[in-house]
C-alpha atoms as a PDB file:
ATOM      1  CA  MET A   1      -0.651 -53.448 -51.860  1.00  0.00           C
ATOM      2  CA  THR A   2       0.580 -56.349 -53.994  1.00  0.00           C
ATOM      3  CA  ASP A   3      -2.977 -57.594 -54.562  1.00  0.00           C
ATOM      4  CA  ILE A   4      -4.426 -55.362 -57.291  1.00  0.00           C
ATOM      5  CA  ASN A   5      -7.871 -56.857 -56.670  1.00  0.00           C
ATOM      6  CA  GLN A   6      -8.110 -55.740 -53.045  1.00  0.00           C
ATOM      7  CA  LYS A   7     -10.930 -53.337 -52.278  1.00  0.00           C
ATOM      8  CA  ILE A   8      -9.633 -49.810 -51.632  1.00  0.00           C
ATOM      9  CA  TYR A   9     -11.833 -47.075 -50.207  1.00  0.00           C
ATOM     10  CA  LEU A  10     -10.464 -43.678 -51.224  1.00  0.00           C
ATOM     11  CA  ALA A  11     -12.115 -40.917 -49.197  1.00  0.00           C
ATOM     12  CA  GLY A  12     -11.806 -37.510 -50.839  1.00  0.00           C
ATOM     13  CA  HIS A  13     -11.289 -38.715 -54.417  1.00  0.00           C
ATOM     14  CA  ARG A  14     -12.430 -35.388 -55.886  1.00  0.00           C
ATOM     15  CA  GLY A  15      -9.948 -33.275 -53.930  1.00  0.00           C
ATOM     16  CA  MET A  16      -6.527 -32.245 -55.153  1.00  0.00           C
ATOM     17  CA  VAL A  17      -4.607 -35.031 -53.417  1.00  0.00           C
ATOM     18  CA  GLY A  18      -7.357 -37.628 -53.618  1.00  0.00           C
ATOM     19  CA  SER A  19      -7.786 -37.196 -57.369  1.00  0.00           C
ATOM     20  CA  ALA A  20      -4.023 -37.551 -57.915  1.00  0.00           C
ATOM     21  CA  ILE A  21      -3.965 -40.717 -55.789  1.00  0.00           C
ATOM     22  CA  HIS A  22      -6.969 -42.051 -57.709  1.00  0.00           C
ATOM     23  CA  GLN A  23      -5.217 -41.560 -61.045  1.00  0.00           C
ATOM     24  CA  GLN A  24      -2.036 -43.250 -59.834  1.00  0.00           C
ATOM     25  CA  LEU A  25      -3.956 -46.205 -58.397  1.00  0.00           C
ATOM     26  CA  LEU A  26      -5.699 -46.707 -61.722  1.00  0.00           C
ATOM     27  CA  ALA A  27      -2.408 -46.365 -63.606  1.00  0.00           C
ATOM     28  CA  ALA A  28      -0.899 -49.024 -61.333  1.00  0.00           C
ATOM     29  CA  GLY A  29      -3.698 -51.463 -62.225  1.00  0.00           C
ATOM     30  CA  TYR A  30      -5.959 -51.171 -59.176  1.00  0.00           C
ATOM     31  CA  THR A  31      -9.570 -51.321 -60.327  1.00  0.00           C
ATOM     32  CA  ASN A  32     -11.502 -52.267 -57.187  1.00  0.00           C
ATOM     33  CA  ILE A  33     -11.547 -48.693 -55.887  1.00  0.00           C
ATOM     34  CA  VAL A  34     -14.599 -47.537 -53.953  1.00  0.00           C
ATOM     35  CA  VAL A  35     -15.393 -43.817 -54.004  1.00  0.00           C
ATOM     36  CA  ARG A  36     -18.312 -41.691 -52.869  1.00  0.00           C
ATOM     37  CA  THR A  37     -19.163 -38.046 -53.469  1.00  0.00           C
ATOM     38  CA  HIS A  38     -20.254 -35.864 -50.558  1.00  0.00           C
ATOM     39  CA  ALA A  39     -23.835 -36.096 -51.853  1.00  0.00           C
ATOM     40  CA  GLN A  40     -23.605 -39.892 -51.719  1.00  0.00           C
ATOM     41  CA  LEU A  41     -21.889 -40.118 -48.328  1.00  0.00           C
ATOM     42  CA  ASP A  42     -21.603 -37.352 -45.740  1.00  0.00           C
ATOM     43  CA  LEU A  43     -18.447 -38.264 -43.830  1.00  0.00           C
ATOM     44  CA  THR A  44     -19.565 -36.177 -40.827  1.00  0.00           C
ATOM     45  CA  ASP A  45     -22.628 -38.426 -40.442  1.00  0.00           C
ATOM     46  CA  GLN A  46     -21.571 -41.257 -38.135  1.00  0.00           C
ATOM     47  CA  GLN A  47     -24.475 -43.555 -38.959  1.00  0.00           C
ATOM     48  CA  ALA A  48     -24.023 -43.056 -42.711  1.00  0.00           C
ATOM     49  CA  VAL A  49     -20.305 -43.850 -42.447  1.00  0.00           C
ATOM     50  CA  ARG A  50     -21.043 -46.906 -40.305  1.00  0.00           C
ATOM     51  CA  SER A  51     -23.567 -48.220 -42.819  1.00  0.00           C
ATOM     52  CA  PHE A  52     -21.116 -47.647 -45.659  1.00  0.00           C
ATOM     53  CA  PHE A  53     -18.364 -49.676 -43.959  1.00  0.00           C
ATOM     54  CA  VAL A  54     -20.754 -52.474 -42.999  1.00  0.00           C
ATOM     55  CA  GLN A  55     -21.787 -52.746 -46.641  1.00  0.00           C
ATOM     56  CA  GLU A  56     -18.421 -52.288 -48.391  1.00  0.00           C
ATOM     57  CA  LYS A  57     -15.877 -53.780 -45.934  1.00  0.00           C
ATOM     58  CA  PRO A  58     -12.779 -52.346 -47.678  1.00  0.00           C
ATOM     59  CA  ASP A  59      -9.389 -54.023 -47.330  1.00  0.00           C
ATOM     60  CA  LEU A  60      -7.549 -50.695 -47.366  1.00  0.00           C
ATOM     61  CA  VAL A  61      -8.644 -47.125 -46.575  1.00  0.00           C
ATOM     62  CA  ILE A  62      -6.946 -43.964 -47.822  1.00  0.00           C
ATOM     63  CA  LEU A  63      -8.227 -40.957 -45.884  1.00  0.00           C
ATOM     64  CA  ALA A  64      -7.604 -37.960 -48.147  1.00  0.00           C
ATOM     65  CA  ALA A  65     -10.878 -36.178 -47.360  1.00  0.00           C
ATOM     66  CA  ALA A  66     -10.527 -32.933 -45.417  1.00  0.00           C
ATOM     67  CA  LYS A  67     -11.850 -29.416 -44.977  1.00  0.00           C
ATOM     68  CA  VAL A  68      -8.932 -27.295 -46.232  1.00  0.00           C
ATOM     69  CA  GLY A  69      -8.078 -23.661 -46.957  1.00  0.00           C
ATOM     70  CA  GLY A  70      -5.501 -20.906 -46.623  1.00  0.00           C
ATOM     71  CA  ILE A  71      -4.786 -18.386 -43.856  1.00  0.00           C
ATOM     72  CA  HIS A  72      -7.890 -16.300 -44.619  1.00  0.00           C
ATOM     73  CA  ALA A  73     -10.253 -19.285 -44.604  1.00  0.00           C
ATOM     74  CA  ASN A  74      -8.737 -20.660 -41.395  1.00  0.00           C
ATOM     75  CA  ASN A  75      -9.188 -17.275 -39.702  1.00  0.00           C
ATOM     76  CA  ILE A  76     -12.808 -16.858 -40.810  1.00  0.00           C
ATOM     77  CA  PHE A  77     -14.070 -20.433 -40.355  1.00  0.00           C
ATOM     78  CA  PRO A  78     -12.127 -21.956 -37.415  1.00  0.00           C
ATOM     79  CA  ALA A  79     -15.132 -23.867 -36.057  1.00  0.00           C
ATOM     80  CA  GLU A  80     -15.779 -25.543 -39.401  1.00  0.00           C
ATOM     81  CA  PHE A  81     -12.121 -26.485 -39.794  1.00  0.00           C
ATOM     82  CA  ILE A  82     -11.822 -28.168 -36.407  1.00  0.00           C
ATOM     83  CA  TYR A  83     -15.289 -29.772 -36.276  1.00  0.00           C
ATOM     84  CA  GLN A  84     -15.499 -31.174 -39.791  1.00  0.00           C
ATOM     85  CA  ASN A  85     -11.972 -32.571 -39.799  1.00  0.00           C
ATOM     86  CA  LEU A  86     -12.263 -34.083 -36.320  1.00  0.00           C
ATOM     87  CA  ILE A  87     -15.546 -35.824 -36.985  1.00  0.00           C
ATOM     88  CA  MET A  88     -14.569 -37.127 -40.449  1.00  0.00           C
ATOM     89  CA  GLU A  89     -11.347 -38.617 -39.069  1.00  0.00           C
ATOM     90  CA  ALA A  90     -13.048 -40.161 -36.060  1.00  0.00           C
ATOM     91  CA  ASN A  91     -15.837 -41.672 -38.129  1.00  0.00           C
ATOM     92  CA  ILE A  92     -13.606 -43.175 -40.826  1.00  0.00           C
ATOM     93  CA  ILE A  93     -10.812 -44.456 -38.579  1.00  0.00           C
ATOM     94  CA  HIS A  94     -13.186 -46.001 -36.051  1.00  0.00           C
ATOM     95  CA  GLU A  95     -15.429 -47.604 -38.645  1.00  0.00           C
ATOM     96  CA  SER A  96     -12.385 -48.926 -40.524  1.00  0.00           C
ATOM     97  CA  TRP A  97     -11.437 -50.816 -37.386  1.00  0.00           C
ATOM     98  CA  GLN A  98     -14.999 -51.877 -36.675  1.00  0.00           C
ATOM     99  CA  SER A  99     -15.321 -53.373 -40.154  1.00  0.00           C
ATOM    100  CA  GLY A 100     -12.078 -55.313 -39.833  1.00  0.00           C
ATOM    101  CA  CYS A 101      -9.925 -53.120 -42.079  1.00  0.00           C
ATOM    102  CA  GLN A 102      -6.360 -53.530 -40.825  1.00  0.00           C
ATOM    103  CA  LYS A 103      -4.589 -51.058 -43.120  1.00  0.00           C
ATOM    104  CA  LEU A 104      -5.249 -47.320 -43.439  1.00  0.00           C
ATOM    105  CA  LEU A 105      -3.362 -44.234 -44.601  1.00  0.00           C
ATOM    106  CA  PHE A 106      -4.231 -40.871 -43.049  1.00  0.00           C
ATOM    107  CA  LEU A 107      -3.163 -37.637 -44.751  1.00  0.00           C
ATOM    108  CA  GLY A 108      -2.255 -34.811 -42.410  1.00  0.00           C
ATOM    109  CA  SER A 109      -0.447 -31.492 -42.787  1.00  0.00           C
ATOM    110  CA  SER A 110       2.837 -29.824 -41.887  1.00  0.00           C
ATOM    111  CA  CYS A 111       0.897 -27.325 -39.746  1.00  0.00           C
ATOM    112  CA  ILE A 112       0.831 -29.974 -36.981  1.00  0.00           C
ATOM    113  CA  TYR A 113       4.279 -28.789 -35.876  1.00  0.00           C
ATOM    114  CA  PRO A 114       4.937 -25.928 -33.441  1.00  0.00           C
ATOM    115  CA  LYS A 115       5.253 -22.401 -34.797  1.00  0.00           C
ATOM    116  CA  PHE A 116       8.904 -22.244 -33.764  1.00  0.00           C
ATOM    117  CA  ALA A 117       9.825 -25.867 -34.371  1.00  0.00           C
ATOM    118  CA  PRO A 118      13.463 -26.603 -35.261  1.00  0.00           C
ATOM    119  CA  GLN A 119      14.145 -26.331 -38.976  1.00  0.00           C
ATOM    120  CA  PRO A 120      13.901 -28.632 -40.800  1.00  0.00           C
ATOM    121  CA  MET A 121      11.031 -30.042 -38.736  1.00  0.00           C
ATOM    122  CA  PRO A 122      11.487 -33.678 -37.643  1.00  0.00           C
ATOM    123  CA  GLU A 123       8.578 -35.955 -36.794  1.00  0.00           C
ATOM    124  CA  SER A 124       9.731 -35.801 -33.160  1.00  0.00           C
ATOM    125  CA  ALA A 125       8.830 -32.081 -33.000  1.00  0.00           C
ATOM    126  CA  LEU A 126       5.150 -32.955 -32.688  1.00  0.00           C
ATOM    127  CA  LEU A 127       3.568 -31.552 -29.485  1.00  0.00           C
ATOM    128  CA  THR A 128       6.762 -29.813 -28.349  1.00  0.00           C
ATOM    129  CA  GLY A 129       5.505 -26.209 -28.539  1.00  0.00           C
ATOM    130  CA  ILE A 130       2.656 -23.822 -29.353  1.00  0.00           C
ATOM    131  CA  LEU A 131       1.019 -23.906 -32.771  1.00  0.00           C
ATOM    132  CA  GLU A 132       0.668 -21.096 -35.298  1.00  0.00           C
ATOM    133  CA  THR A 133      -2.543 -19.318 -34.246  1.00  0.00           C
ATOM    134  CA  THR A 134      -3.881 -18.700 -37.760  1.00  0.00           C
ATOM    135  CA  ASN A 135      -4.471 -22.423 -38.396  1.00  0.00           C
ATOM    136  CA  GLU A 136      -4.462 -23.876 -34.894  1.00  0.00           C
ATOM    137  CA  PRO A 137      -7.964 -25.454 -35.095  1.00  0.00           C
ATOM    138  CA  TYR A 138      -7.092 -27.285 -38.314  1.00  0.00           C
ATOM    139  CA  ALA A 139      -3.726 -28.352 -36.909  1.00  0.00           C
ATOM    140  CA  ILE A 140      -5.319 -29.741 -33.744  1.00  0.00           C
ATOM    141  CA  ALA A 141      -7.751 -31.761 -35.841  1.00  0.00           C
ATOM    142  CA  LYS A 142      -4.876 -33.226 -37.866  1.00  0.00           C
ATOM    143  CA  ILE A 143      -2.894 -34.027 -34.715  1.00  0.00           C
ATOM    144  CA  ALA A 144      -5.976 -35.843 -33.427  1.00  0.00           C
ATOM    145  CA  GLY A 145      -6.025 -37.905 -36.624  1.00  0.00           C
ATOM    146  CA  ILE A 146      -2.405 -38.962 -36.087  1.00  0.00           C
ATOM    147  CA  LYS A 147      -3.145 -39.898 -32.484  1.00  0.00           C
ATOM    148  CA  LEU A 148      -6.238 -41.851 -33.501  1.00  0.00           C
ATOM    149  CA  CYS A 149      -4.077 -43.940 -35.837  1.00  0.00           C
ATOM    150  CA  GLU A 150      -1.440 -44.440 -33.166  1.00  0.00           C
ATOM    151  CA  SER A 151      -4.021 -45.347 -30.530  1.00  0.00           C
ATOM    152  CA  TYR A 152      -5.755 -47.960 -32.679  1.00  0.00           C
ATOM    153  CA  ASN A 153      -2.347 -49.419 -33.564  1.00  0.00           C
ATOM    154  CA  ARG A 154      -1.422 -49.644 -29.877  1.00  0.00           C
ATOM    155  CA  GLN A 155      -4.701 -51.089 -28.664  1.00  0.00           C
ATOM    156  CA  TYR A 156      -5.828 -53.227 -31.588  1.00  0.00           C
ATOM    157  CA  GLY A 157      -2.653 -54.025 -33.543  1.00  0.00           C
ATOM    158  CA  THR A 158      -3.829 -52.302 -36.716  1.00  0.00           C
ATOM    159  CA  ASP A 159      -1.453 -50.953 -39.376  1.00  0.00           C
ATOM    160  CA  TYR A 160      -2.671 -47.364 -39.636  1.00  0.00           C
ATOM    161  CA  ARG A 161      -0.085 -44.967 -41.045  1.00  0.00           C
ATOM    162  CA  SER A 162       0.009 -41.197 -41.481  1.00  0.00           C
ATOM    163  CA  VAL A 163       1.816 -38.970 -43.959  1.00  0.00           C
ATOM    164  CA  MET A 164       2.361 -35.275 -43.265  1.00  0.00           C
ATOM    165  CA  PRO A 165       2.783 -33.354 -46.521  1.00  0.00           C
ATOM    166  CA  THR A 166       4.360 -29.966 -46.805  1.00  0.00           C
ATOM    167  CA  ASN A 167       2.464 -27.268 -48.760  1.00  0.00           C
ATOM    168  CA  LEU A 168       0.929 -28.899 -51.833  1.00  0.00           C
ATOM    169  CA  TYR A 169       0.048 -27.491 -55.231  1.00  0.00           C
ATOM    170  CA  GLY A 170      -0.966 -28.759 -58.653  1.00  0.00           C
ATOM    171  CA  GLN A 171      -3.974 -29.711 -60.748  1.00  0.00           C
ATOM    172  CA  ASN A 172      -7.432 -29.737 -59.155  1.00  0.00           C
ATOM    173  CA  ASP A 173      -6.401 -27.178 -56.548  1.00  0.00           C
ATOM    174  CA  ASN A 174      -8.822 -24.571 -55.181  1.00  0.00           C
ATOM    175  CA  PHE A 175      -8.285 -21.270 -57.024  1.00  0.00           C
ATOM    176  CA  HIS A 176     -10.794 -19.215 -54.997  1.00  0.00           C
ATOM    177  CA  LEU A 177      -9.458 -15.673 -54.580  1.00  0.00           C
ATOM    178  CA  GLU A 178      -9.923 -15.600 -50.788  1.00  0.00           C
ATOM    179  CA  ASN A 179     -10.162 -19.199 -49.558  1.00  0.00           C
ATOM    180  CA  SER A 180      -7.274 -20.816 -51.440  1.00  0.00           C
ATOM    181  CA  HIS A 181      -3.686 -21.574 -50.468  1.00  0.00           C
ATOM    182  CA  VAL A 182      -0.819 -19.348 -51.483  1.00  0.00           C
ATOM    183  CA  ILE A 183       0.157 -20.834 -54.874  1.00  0.00           C
ATOM    184  CA  PRO A 184      -3.320 -21.002 -56.481  1.00  0.00           C
ATOM    185  CA  ALA A 185      -4.194 -17.598 -54.998  1.00  0.00           C
ATOM    186  CA  LEU A 186      -1.042 -16.033 -56.471  1.00  0.00           C
ATOM    187  CA  ILE A 187      -1.468 -17.761 -59.839  1.00  0.00           C
ATOM    188  CA  ARG A 188      -4.963 -16.362 -60.159  1.00  0.00           C
ATOM    189  CA  LYS A 189      -3.944 -12.921 -58.916  1.00  0.00           C
ATOM    190  CA  PHE A 190      -0.945 -12.621 -61.254  1.00  0.00           C
ATOM    191  CA  HIS A 191      -2.921 -14.003 -64.191  1.00  0.00           C
ATOM    192  CA  GLN A 192      -5.677 -11.419 -63.675  1.00  0.00           C
ATOM    193  CA  ALA A 193      -3.098  -8.646 -63.317  1.00  0.00           C
ATOM    194  CA  LYS A 194      -1.582  -9.681 -66.654  1.00  0.00           C
ATOM    195  CA  ILE A 195      -5.019  -9.670 -68.330  1.00  0.00           C
ATOM    196  CA  ASP A 196      -5.804  -6.237 -66.837  1.00  0.00           C
ATOM    197  CA  ASN A 197      -2.362  -4.824 -67.733  1.00  0.00           C
ATOM    198  CA  ALA A 198      -1.990  -3.868 -64.057  1.00  0.00           C
ATOM    199  CA  ALA A 199       1.232  -2.161 -63.051  1.00  0.00           C
ATOM    200  CA  THR A 200       1.412  -3.762 -59.596  1.00  0.00           C
ATOM    201  CA  VAL A 201       0.278  -6.867 -57.746  1.00  0.00           C
ATOM    202  CA  SER A 202      -0.153  -6.633 -53.979  1.00  0.00           C
ATOM    203  CA  VAL A 203       0.771  -9.740 -51.999  1.00  0.00           C
ATOM    204  CA  TRP A 204       0.045 -10.479 -48.334  1.00  0.00           C
ATOM    205  CA  GLY A 205       2.809 -10.224 -45.755  1.00  0.00           C
ATOM    206  CA  SER A 206       6.428  -9.160 -45.902  1.00  0.00           C
ATOM    207  CA  GLY A 207       7.583 -11.773 -48.391  1.00  0.00           C
ATOM    208  CA  ASN A 208      10.220 -13.004 -45.945  1.00  0.00           C
ATOM    209  CA  ALA A 209       8.424 -16.109 -44.686  1.00  0.00           C
ATOM    210  CA  LYS A 210       9.858 -19.315 -46.125  1.00  0.00           C
ATOM    211  CA  ARG A 211       7.811 -22.210 -47.425  1.00  0.00           C
ATOM    212  CA  GLU A 212       8.393 -25.607 -48.963  1.00  0.00           C
ATOM    213  CA  PHE A 213       6.185 -26.737 -51.843  1.00  0.00           C
ATOM    214  CA  LEU A 214       5.483 -30.229 -53.171  1.00  0.00           C
ATOM    215  CA  HIS A 215       3.635 -31.068 -56.366  1.00  0.00           C
ATOM    216  CA  VAL A 216       0.513 -33.141 -55.776  1.00  0.00           C
ATOM    217  CA  ASP A 217       1.692 -35.892 -58.135  1.00  0.00           C
ATOM    218  CA  ASP A 218       4.791 -36.327 -55.977  1.00  0.00           C
ATOM    219  CA  MET A 219       2.554 -36.509 -52.904  1.00  0.00           C
ATOM    220  CA  ALA A 220       0.368 -39.176 -54.506  1.00  0.00           C
ATOM    221  CA  ALA A 221       3.465 -41.195 -55.406  1.00  0.00           C
ATOM    222  CA  ALA A 222       4.687 -40.890 -51.815  1.00  0.00           C
ATOM    223  CA  CYS A 223       1.342 -42.199 -50.507  1.00  0.00           C
ATOM    224  CA  LEU A 224       1.501 -45.277 -52.699  1.00  0.00           C
ATOM    225  CA  HIS A 225       5.156 -45.794 -51.803  1.00  0.00           C
ATOM    226  CA  VAL A 226       4.381 -45.727 -48.073  1.00  0.00           C
ATOM    227  CA  LEU A 227       1.448 -48.097 -48.488  1.00  0.00           C
ATOM    228  CA  ASN A 228       3.612 -50.546 -50.440  1.00  0.00           C
ATOM    229  CA  LEU A 229       6.189 -50.806 -47.653  1.00  0.00           C
ATOM    230  CA  ASP A 230       5.895 -53.929 -45.570  1.00  0.00           C
ATOM    231  CA  LYS A 231       5.294 -53.328 -41.890  1.00  0.00           C
ATOM    232  CA  ALA A 232       8.802 -54.225 -40.762  1.00  0.00           C
ATOM    233  CA  HIS A 233      10.415 -51.956 -43.355  1.00  0.00           C
ATOM    234  CA  TYR A 234       8.074 -49.096 -42.461  1.00  0.00           C
ATOM    235  CA  GLN A 235       8.835 -49.462 -38.766  1.00  0.00           C
ATOM    236  CA  SER A 236      12.581 -49.616 -39.424  1.00  0.00           C
ATOM    237  CA  VAL A 237      12.650 -45.821 -39.446  1.00  0.00           C
ATOM    238  CA  THR A 238       9.552 -45.108 -37.348  1.00  0.00           C
ATOM    239  CA  GLU A 239       8.919 -46.126 -33.783  1.00  0.00           C
ATOM    240  CA  PRO A 240       6.717 -49.201 -33.303  1.00  0.00           C
ATOM    241  CA  MET A 241       3.050 -48.214 -32.952  1.00  0.00           C
ATOM    242  CA  LEU A 242       3.747 -44.635 -34.134  1.00  0.00           C
ATOM    243  CA  SER A 243       2.350 -43.686 -37.470  1.00  0.00           C
ATOM    244  CA  HIS A 244       3.475 -40.477 -39.139  1.00  0.00           C
ATOM    245  CA  LEU A 245       6.078 -39.617 -41.766  1.00  0.00           C
ATOM    246  CA  ASN A 246       6.958 -36.236 -43.243  1.00  0.00           C
ATOM    247  CA  VAL A 247       6.643 -35.818 -47.001  1.00  0.00           C
ATOM    248  CA  GLY A 248       8.378 -32.908 -48.690  1.00  0.00           C
ATOM    249  CA  THR A 249      11.179 -31.784 -50.971  1.00  0.00           C
ATOM    250  CA  GLY A 250      13.678 -30.847 -48.262  1.00  0.00           C
ATOM    251  CA  THR A 251      14.134 -27.353 -49.762  1.00  0.00           C
ATOM    252  CA  ASP A 252      12.226 -24.097 -49.337  1.00  0.00           C
ATOM    253  CA  VAL A 253      11.880 -20.628 -50.863  1.00  0.00           C
ATOM    254  CA  THR A 254      10.786 -17.244 -49.551  1.00  0.00           C
ATOM    255  CA  ILE A 255       7.305 -16.074 -50.463  1.00  0.00           C
ATOM    256  CA  LYS A 256       9.056 -13.250 -52.342  1.00  0.00           C
ATOM    257  CA  GLU A 257      10.935 -15.792 -54.459  1.00  0.00           C
ATOM    258  CA  LEU A 258       7.725 -17.735 -54.998  1.00  0.00           C
ATOM    259  CA  ALA A 259       5.805 -14.636 -56.104  1.00  0.00           C
ATOM    260  CA  GLU A 260       8.572 -13.651 -58.519  1.00  0.00           C
ATOM    261  CA  THR A 261       8.578 -17.141 -60.030  1.00  0.00           C
ATOM    262  CA  ILE A 262       4.792 -17.135 -60.428  1.00  0.00           C
ATOM    263  CA  GLY A 263       5.035 -13.701 -62.039  1.00  0.00           C
ATOM    264  CA  LYS A 264       7.523 -15.159 -64.514  1.00  0.00           C
ATOM    265  CA  VAL A 265       5.426 -18.268 -65.183  1.00  0.00           C
ATOM    266  CA  THR A 266       2.229 -16.278 -65.789  1.00  0.00           C
ATOM    267  CA  GLY A 267       3.933 -13.625 -67.913  1.00  0.00           C
ATOM    268  CA  PHE A 268       3.215 -10.712 -65.552  1.00  0.00           C
ATOM    269  CA  THR A 269       5.742  -7.920 -66.186  1.00  0.00           C
ATOM    270  CA  GLY A 270       4.742  -5.372 -63.531  1.00  0.00           C
ATOM    271  CA  SER A 271       5.991  -4.905 -59.976  1.00  0.00           C
ATOM    272  CA  ILE A 272       5.099  -6.601 -56.697  1.00  0.00           C
ATOM    273  CA  SER A 273       4.120  -4.694 -53.546  1.00  0.00           C
ATOM    274  CA  TRP A 274       3.977  -6.241 -50.078  1.00  0.00           C
ATOM    275  CA  ASP A 275       1.111  -5.646 -47.639  1.00  0.00           C
ATOM    276  CA  SER A 276       2.889  -6.011 -44.306  1.00  0.00           C
ATOM    277  CA  SER A 277      -0.390  -5.350 -42.429  1.00  0.00           C
ATOM    278  CA  LYS A 278      -1.395  -8.918 -43.348  1.00  0.00           C
ATOM    279  CA  PRO A 279       0.057 -11.897 -41.450  1.00  0.00           C
ATOM    280  CA  ASP A 280       3.019 -13.948 -42.655  1.00  0.00           C
ATOM    281  CA  GLY A 281       1.967 -16.991 -40.683  1.00  0.00           C
ATOM    282  CA  THR A 282       4.706 -19.304 -39.445  1.00  0.00           C
ATOM    283  CA  PRO A 283       8.167 -17.790 -40.201  1.00  0.00           C
ATOM    284  CA  ARG A 284       9.460 -20.995 -41.758  1.00  0.00           C
ATOM    285  CA  LYS A 285       8.093 -24.476 -42.468  1.00  0.00           C
ATOM    286  CA  LEU A 286      10.651 -26.895 -43.849  1.00  0.00           C
ATOM    287  CA  MET A 287      10.108 -30.625 -43.424  1.00  0.00           C
ATOM    288  CA  ASP A 288      12.822 -33.023 -42.330  1.00  0.00           C
ATOM    289  CA  THR A 289      12.364 -35.801 -44.891  1.00  0.00           C
ATOM    290  CA  THR A 290      15.208 -38.014 -43.668  1.00  0.00           C
ATOM    291  CA  LYS A 291      12.898 -40.884 -42.721  1.00  0.00           C
ATOM    292  CA  ILE A 292      10.876 -41.147 -45.910  1.00  0.00           C
ATOM    293  CA  ASN A 293      14.044 -40.722 -47.972  1.00  0.00           C
ATOM    294  CA  ALA A 294      15.575 -43.616 -46.029  1.00  0.00           C
ATOM    295  CA  LEU A 295      12.520 -45.662 -47.042  1.00  0.00           C
ATOM    296  CA  GLY A 296      13.361 -45.102 -50.703  1.00  0.00           C
ATOM    297  CA  TRP A 297      11.159 -42.183 -51.780  1.00  0.00           C
ATOM    298  CA  GLN A 298      12.308 -38.939 -53.434  1.00  0.00           C
ATOM    299  CA  PRO A 299      10.301 -36.175 -55.178  1.00  0.00           C
ATOM    300  CA  ASN A 300      10.639 -35.819 -58.954  1.00  0.00           C
ATOM    301  CA  ILE A 301       9.019 -32.478 -59.868  1.00  0.00           C
ATOM    302  CA  ASP A 302      10.982 -29.231 -59.407  1.00  0.00           C
ATOM    303  CA  LEU A 303       9.122 -26.060 -58.411  1.00  0.00           C
ATOM    304  CA  GLU A 304       9.219 -23.991 -61.607  1.00  0.00           C
ATOM    305  CA  PRO A 305       8.181 -26.831 -63.965  1.00  0.00           C
ATOM    306  CA  GLY A 306       5.492 -27.775 -61.458  1.00  0.00           C
ATOM    307  CA  LEU A 307       4.212 -24.199 -61.397  1.00  0.00           C
ATOM    308  CA  ARG A 308       4.166 -24.066 -65.195  1.00  0.00           C
ATOM    309  CA  ALA A 309       2.094 -27.256 -65.346  1.00  0.00           C
ATOM    310  CA  THR A 310      -0.245 -25.915 -62.660  1.00  0.00           C
ATOM    311  CA  TYR A 311      -0.703 -22.607 -64.499  1.00  0.00           C
ATOM    312  CA  GLN A 312      -1.509 -24.466 -67.705  1.00  0.00           C
ATOM    313  CA  TRP A 313      -4.098 -26.540 -65.835  1.00  0.00           C
ATOM    314  CA  PHE A 314      -5.607 -23.303 -64.495  1.00  0.00           C
ATOM    315  CA  LEU A 315      -5.764 -21.843 -68.022  1.00  0.00           C
ATOM    316  CA  ASP A 316      -7.478 -24.983 -69.273  1.00  0.00           C
ATOM    317  CA  HIS A 317     -10.077 -24.791 -66.478  1.00  0.00           C
ATOM    318  CA  GLN A 318     -10.362 -21.080 -65.738  1.00  0.00           C
ATOM    319  CA  ASP A 319     -13.983 -20.828 -66.831  1.00  0.00           C
ATOM    320  CA  GLU A 320     -14.831 -22.960 -63.789  1.00  0.00           C
ATOM    321  CA  PHE A 321     -13.333 -20.320 -61.455  1.00  0.00           C
ATOM    322  CA  LYS A 322     -14.691 -17.094 -62.937  1.00  0.00           C
ATOM    323  CA  ALA A 323     -17.695 -16.985 -60.626  1.00  0.00           C
ATOM    324  CA  LYS A 324     -15.653 -17.831 -57.506  1.00  0.00           C
END
């Protein structure tokens, strides 16, 4: 990415990760960035995607577009999660190759790994066991994206890479009460409890599950770092023709510890109750970040300061979420 004039197509520029990547690209001096809203380009429409690539012919593609959500959303809309993600990936990766684009970055998810994968989870754990059932359709779609990148690399010699982030949070997240991930859902719940002077906040699960959390700005920095690696350096810690790298902090917390920290950040002074009738999901999800660390990347934002910044962003934008 040494040529700041190269044409970059950023798919998903309005999403949490895509918007953070967009800001960091602009800050780094890249100005030839092509973006499209969903209204302008439906990524599930193969002909529309094909026409877009024929017209634009980007030099680099960053695939940050995805259908995402938390445990509840994955349980209620499994068909949408597998179909939309599969078809978007297939359309963009194939048409990137068709248009002559040799370099692409695909963003996946830590849910690609088996439910009982060794902890921390190395890249080699992929396809070694059964997946967590609550998000299996989404995970299968993301695994397919990795394998698409690997397959095009093997057959056509492309340089398509994949990064697998741990649980992300930060500005521009989805704060929907039912369809969001754990951090935005808890921020909104604890904030409302504080406003209502509620004595107790009820949280799903036992609180014992452990999760790793990465601020979205750290994830965006990791994406640019991986793209800036020359091919030989990148493959020095990955296997030739294979594409994915874990991105995380290398540390995790229990959901109980997370909830207590969010309570502190939001100023909620009541108690927390645990609804053990609701699922915990995977018992633990900690990424092995040895490979990306060996390539020179480290996260910079600790959890509590990151949560404070995220809560402030929510306060600044809460009018947008009141009807959701």
